[in-house]
């Protein structure tokens, strides 16, 4: 890779890292994220749900497979649907989950799987590239600290 391409890739990754920080931080005071649903063809039809949210101080990935609910007359079940979650209403974080609560297990009653971890884990990863960028911008040179001068004794001066 050329130096220019590496620099461009670094700044793209830096921008994505910073863009991910905002929803992760907002997950401490509200709920942010996205929910995607799509239908699988077959008999019987099955809906797949993937929900990725930052809420209560943790990041949660929820994957569910379920038969669609019976539609009322005149309505159709969605083939694809996307729903965005915003910060409102404001909530306070659950401290136990926000500090040290990891989940990764199936939920057999709902045919679902959950992966959840504290938001600070993802925030720490997202802060690596900004830290590298700040370290590169810091001026480096010989002026680190101050020079230590050895004091000569008074006898040698006379």
C-alpha atoms as a PDB file:
ATOM      1  CA  UNK A   1       0.000   0.000   0.000  1.00  0.00           C
ATOM      2  CA  UNK A   2       1.208   3.477  -0.744  1.00  0.00           C
ATOM      3  CA  UNK A   3       1.655   5.974   2.057  1.00  0.00           C
ATOM      4  CA  UNK A   4      -1.159   8.140   0.723  1.00  0.00           C
ATOM      5  CA  UNK A   5      -3.599   5.217   0.610  1.00  0.00           C
ATOM      6  CA  UNK A   6      -2.629   4.180   4.147  1.00  0.00           C
ATOM      7  CA  UNK A   7      -3.208   7.731   5.336  1.00  0.00           C
ATOM      8  CA  UNK A   8      -6.604   7.856   3.630  1.00  0.00           C
ATOM      9  CA  UNK A   9      -7.632   4.483   5.100  1.00  0.00           C
ATOM     10  CA  UNK A  10      -6.512   5.630   8.552  1.00  0.00           C
ATOM     11  CA  UNK A  11      -8.655   8.766   8.377  1.00  0.00           C
ATOM     12  CA  UNK A  12     -11.686   6.808   7.148  1.00  0.00           C
ATOM     13  CA  UNK A  13     -11.285   4.371  10.052  1.00  0.00           C
ATOM     14  CA  UNK A  14     -10.787   7.318  12.422  1.00  0.00           C
ATOM     15  CA  UNK A  15     -14.030   8.911  11.199  1.00  0.00           C
ATOM     16  CA  UNK A  16     -15.964   5.659  11.636  1.00  0.00           C
ATOM     17  CA  UNK A  17     -14.517   5.224  15.098  1.00  0.00           C
ATOM     18  CA  UNK A  18     -15.580   8.711  16.151  1.00  0.00           C
ATOM     19  CA  UNK A  19     -19.007   8.247  14.525  1.00  0.00           C
ATOM     20  CA  UNK A  20     -19.552   5.093  16.604  1.00  0.00           C
ATOM     21  CA  UNK A  21     -18.652   6.870  19.832  1.00  0.00           C
ATOM     22  CA  UNK A  22     -21.721   9.127  19.835  1.00  0.00           C
ATOM     23  CA  UNK A  23     -24.398   6.389  19.819  1.00  0.00           C
ATOM     24  CA  UNK A  24     -22.397   4.360  22.322  1.00  0.00           C
ATOM     25  CA  UNK A  25     -22.217   7.315  24.703  1.00  0.00           C
ATOM     26  CA  UNK A  26     -25.912   8.090  24.184  1.00  0.00           C
ATOM     27  CA  UNK A  27     -26.652   4.495  25.196  1.00  0.00           C
ATOM     28  CA  UNK A  28     -25.934   5.481  28.797  1.00  0.00           C
ATOM     29  CA  UNK A  29     -28.847   7.918  28.934  1.00  0.00           C
ATOM     30  CA  UNK A  30     -31.271   6.439  26.415  1.00  0.00           C
ATOM     31  CA  UNK A  31     -31.707   3.807  23.754  1.00  0.00           C
ATOM     32  CA  UNK A  32     -30.058   4.093  20.356  1.00  0.00           C
ATOM     33  CA  UNK A  33     -29.835   1.474  17.677  1.00  0.00           C
ATOM     34  CA  UNK A  34     -31.447  -0.235  14.732  1.00  0.00           C
ATOM     35  CA  UNK A  35     -33.821  -3.133  14.218  1.00  0.00           C
ATOM     36  CA  UNK A  36     -33.923  -5.018  10.922  1.00  0.00           C
ATOM     37  CA  UNK A  37     -36.584  -7.573   9.997  1.00  0.00           C
ATOM     38  CA  UNK A  38     -36.843  -9.685   6.856  1.00  0.00           C
ATOM     39  CA  UNK A  39     -38.975 -12.601   5.817  1.00  0.00           C
ATOM     40  CA  UNK A  40     -37.753 -15.956   4.604  1.00  0.00           C
ATOM     41  CA  UNK A  41     -39.797 -17.670   1.997  1.00  0.00           C
ATOM     42  CA  UNK A  42     -40.890 -21.211   2.641  1.00  0.00           C
ATOM     43  CA  UNK A  43     -43.530 -23.126   4.437  1.00  0.00           C
ATOM     44  CA  UNK A  44     -44.295 -21.770   7.001  1.00  0.00           C
ATOM     45  CA  UNK A  45     -42.941 -18.256   6.493  1.00  0.00           C
ATOM     46  CA  UNK A  46     -40.334 -17.240   9.048  1.00  0.00           C
ATOM     47  CA  UNK A  47     -39.333 -13.727  10.090  1.00  0.00           C
ATOM     48  CA  UNK A  48     -35.741 -12.972  11.059  1.00  0.00           C
ATOM     49  CA  UNK A  49     -35.081 -10.112  13.483  1.00  0.00           C
ATOM     50  CA  UNK A  50     -31.700  -8.551  14.209  1.00  0.00           C
ATOM     51  CA  UNK A  51     -31.720  -5.797  16.820  1.00  0.00           C
ATOM     52  CA  UNK A  52     -28.534  -3.891  17.672  1.00  0.00           C
ATOM     53  CA  UNK A  53     -28.928  -1.322  20.448  1.00  0.00           C
ATOM     54  CA  UNK A  54     -26.932   0.624  22.995  1.00  0.00           C
ATOM     55  CA  UNK A  55     -29.081   0.951  26.098  1.00  0.00           C
ATOM     56  CA  UNK A  56     -28.797   0.898  29.881  1.00  0.00           C
ATOM     57  CA  UNK A  57     -25.032   1.302  29.566  1.00  0.00           C
ATOM     58  CA  UNK A  58     -24.504  -1.800  27.437  1.00  0.00           C
ATOM     59  CA  UNK A  59     -24.467  -2.914  23.820  1.00  0.00           C
ATOM     60  CA  UNK A  60     -26.993  -5.603  22.932  1.00  0.00           C
ATOM     61  CA  UNK A  61     -27.281  -7.752  19.809  1.00  0.00           C
ATOM     62  CA  UNK A  62     -30.521  -9.736  19.669  1.00  0.00           C
ATOM     63  CA  UNK A  63     -31.126 -12.257  16.868  1.00  0.00           C
ATOM     64  CA  UNK A  64     -34.558 -13.872  16.691  1.00  0.00           C
ATOM     65  CA  UNK A  65     -36.281 -16.226  14.305  1.00  0.00           C
ATOM     66  CA  UNK A  66     -40.049 -16.530  14.626  1.00  0.00           C
ATOM     67  CA  UNK A  67     -43.162 -17.257  12.625  1.00  0.00           C
ATOM     68  CA  UNK A  68     -45.022 -14.048  11.765  1.00  0.00           C
ATOM     69  CA  UNK A  69     -48.091 -13.114  13.725  1.00  0.00           C
ATOM     70  CA  UNK A  70     -51.376 -13.666  11.959  1.00  0.00           C
ATOM     71  CA  UNK A  71     -52.117 -10.527  10.014  1.00  0.00           C
ATOM     72  CA  UNK A  72     -55.482  -8.873  10.354  1.00  0.00           C
ATOM     73  CA  UNK A  73     -57.583  -8.779   7.167  1.00  0.00           C
ATOM     74  CA  UNK A  74     -56.232  -6.350   4.586  1.00  0.00           C
ATOM     75  CA  UNK A  75     -52.669  -6.193   5.985  1.00  0.00           C
ATOM     76  CA  UNK A  76     -49.515  -7.971   4.926  1.00  0.00           C
ATOM     77  CA  UNK A  77     -46.569  -9.058   7.021  1.00  0.00           C
ATOM     78  CA  UNK A  78     -43.428  -7.075   6.107  1.00  0.00           C
ATOM     79  CA  UNK A  79     -40.905  -8.643   3.769  1.00  0.00           C
ATOM     80  CA  UNK A  80     -38.319  -6.143   5.027  1.00  0.00           C
ATOM     81  CA  UNK A  81     -38.519  -3.531   7.736  1.00  0.00           C
ATOM     82  CA  UNK A  82     -35.982  -1.227   9.389  1.00  0.00           C
ATOM     83  CA  UNK A  83     -36.656   0.668  12.600  1.00  0.00           C
ATOM     84  CA  UNK A  84     -34.310   3.200  14.192  1.00  0.00           C
ATOM     85  CA  UNK A  85     -34.234   3.803  17.943  1.00  0.00           C
ATOM     86  CA  UNK A  86     -33.545   7.291  19.238  1.00  0.00           C
ATOM     87  CA  UNK A  87     -32.383   8.507  22.624  1.00  0.00           C
ATOM     88  CA  UNK A  88     -35.835   9.557  23.834  1.00  0.00           C
ATOM     89  CA  UNK A  89     -37.184   8.852  26.436  1.00  0.00           C
ATOM     90  CA  UNK A  90     -34.187   9.385  28.669  1.00  0.00           C
ATOM     91  CA  UNK A  91     -33.339   6.541  31.035  1.00  0.00           C
ATOM     92  CA  UNK A  92     -30.695   6.016  33.632  1.00  0.00           C
ATOM     93  CA  UNK A  93     -28.170   3.221  33.151  1.00  0.00           C
ATOM     94  CA  UNK A  94     -28.372  -0.014  35.093  1.00  0.00           C
ATOM     95  CA  UNK A  95     -25.050   0.144  36.960  1.00  0.00           C
ATOM     96  CA  UNK A  96     -24.665  -3.630  37.261  1.00  0.00           C
ATOM     97  CA  UNK A  97     -25.062  -4.081  33.524  1.00  0.00           C
ATOM     98  CA  UNK A  98     -23.082  -0.956  32.626  1.00  0.00           C
ATOM     99  CA  UNK A  99     -20.027  -2.008  34.636  1.00  0.00           C
ATOM    100  CA  UNK A 100     -19.735  -5.795  34.479  1.00  0.00           C
ATOM    101  CA  UNK A 101     -22.522  -7.810  32.894  1.00  0.00           C
ATOM    102  CA  UNK A 102     -21.774  -9.978  29.878  1.00  0.00           C
ATOM    103  CA  UNK A 103     -24.436 -12.125  28.184  1.00  0.00           C
ATOM    104  CA  UNK A 104     -24.099 -14.622  25.354  1.00  0.00           C
ATOM    105  CA  UNK A 105     -26.745 -17.334  25.387  1.00  0.00           C
ATOM    106  CA  UNK A 106     -29.785 -18.628  23.541  1.00  0.00           C
ATOM    107  CA  UNK A 107     -33.309 -17.955  24.728  1.00  0.00           C
ATOM    108  CA  UNK A 108     -35.043 -21.235  23.836  1.00  0.00           C
ATOM    109  CA  UNK A 109     -38.584 -20.083  24.597  1.00  0.00           C
ATOM    110  CA  UNK A 110     -38.332 -17.376  21.923  1.00  0.00           C
ATOM    111  CA  UNK A 111     -35.915 -19.025  19.456  1.00  0.00           C
ATOM    112  CA  UNK A 112     -33.547 -16.125  19.992  1.00  0.00           C
ATOM    113  CA  UNK A 113     -29.914 -15.475  20.840  1.00  0.00           C
ATOM    114  CA  UNK A 114     -28.526 -12.515  22.777  1.00  0.00           C
ATOM    115  CA  UNK A 115     -25.017 -11.093  22.972  1.00  0.00           C
ATOM    116  CA  UNK A 116     -24.615  -8.162  25.361  1.00  0.00           C
ATOM    117  CA  UNK A 117     -21.665  -6.438  26.996  1.00  0.00           C
ATOM    118  CA  UNK A 118     -20.953  -3.134  28.784  1.00  0.00           C
ATOM    119  CA  UNK A 119     -20.658  -0.091  26.514  1.00  0.00           C
ATOM    120  CA  UNK A 120     -17.278   0.838  27.930  1.00  0.00           C
ATOM    121  CA  UNK A 121     -15.764  -2.211  26.161  1.00  0.00           C
ATOM    122  CA  UNK A 122     -16.821  -0.891  22.741  1.00  0.00           C
ATOM    123  CA  UNK A 123     -15.952   2.699  23.705  1.00  0.00           C
ATOM    124  CA  UNK A 124     -12.411   1.644  24.669  1.00  0.00           C
ATOM    125  CA  UNK A 125     -11.937  -0.019  21.275  1.00  0.00           C
ATOM    126  CA  UNK A 126     -13.316   3.054  19.469  1.00  0.00           C
ATOM    127  CA  UNK A 127     -10.840   5.298  21.324  1.00  0.00           C
ATOM    128  CA  UNK A 128      -7.744   3.473  20.046  1.00  0.00           C
ATOM    129  CA  UNK A 129      -7.556   5.282  16.681  1.00  0.00           C
ATOM    130  CA  UNK A 130      -8.186   8.781  18.125  1.00  0.00           C
ATOM    131  CA  UNK A 131      -5.415   8.107  20.671  1.00  0.00           C
ATOM    132  CA  UNK A 132      -3.026   7.144  17.851  1.00  0.00           C
ATOM    133  CA  UNK A 133      -4.008  10.284  15.941  1.00  0.00           C
ATOM    134  CA  UNK A 134      -3.382  12.520  18.975  1.00  0.00           C
ATOM    135  CA  UNK A 135      -0.028  10.816  19.621  1.00  0.00           C
ATOM    136  CA  UNK A 136       1.053  11.486  16.026  1.00  0.00           C
ATOM    137  CA  UNK A 137       0.058  15.152  16.250  1.00  0.00           C
ATOM    138  CA  UNK A 138       1.957  15.748  19.484  1.00  0.00           C
ATOM    139  CA  UNK A 139       5.125  17.689  18.766  1.00  0.00           C
ATOM    140  CA  UNK A 140       8.196  15.570  19.217  1.00  0.00           C
ATOM    141  CA  UNK A 141      11.648  16.988  19.459  1.00  0.00           C
ATOM    142  CA  UNK A 142      14.689  17.365  21.632  1.00  0.00           C
ATOM    143  CA  UNK A 143      12.919  19.733  24.044  1.00  0.00           C
ATOM    144  CA  UNK A 144      11.649  17.047  26.404  1.00  0.00           C
ATOM    145  CA  UNK A 145      11.840  18.199  29.993  1.00  0.00           C
ATOM    146  CA  UNK A 146      14.769  20.384  30.982  1.00  0.00           C
ATOM    147  CA  UNK A 147      18.516  19.964  30.897  1.00  0.00           C
ATOM    148  CA  UNK A 148      20.193  18.908  34.105  1.00  0.00           C
ATOM    149  CA  UNK A 149      23.404  20.870  34.698  1.00  0.00           C
ATOM    150  CA  UNK A 150      25.979  19.571  37.104  1.00  0.00           C
ATOM    151  CA  UNK A 151      27.002  22.248  39.558  1.00  0.00           C
ATOM    152  CA  UNK A 152      30.767  22.696  39.856  1.00  0.00           C
ATOM    153  CA  UNK A 153      32.306  23.073  43.268  1.00  0.00           C
ATOM    154  CA  UNK A 154      33.471  26.509  44.439  1.00  0.00           C
ATOM    155  CA  UNK A 155      37.127  25.368  44.750  1.00  0.00           C
ATOM    156  CA  UNK A 156      37.550  24.763  41.019  1.00  0.00           C
ATOM    157  CA  UNK A 157      36.259  28.235  40.186  1.00  0.00           C
ATOM    158  CA  UNK A 158      38.980  30.057  42.187  1.00  0.00           C
END
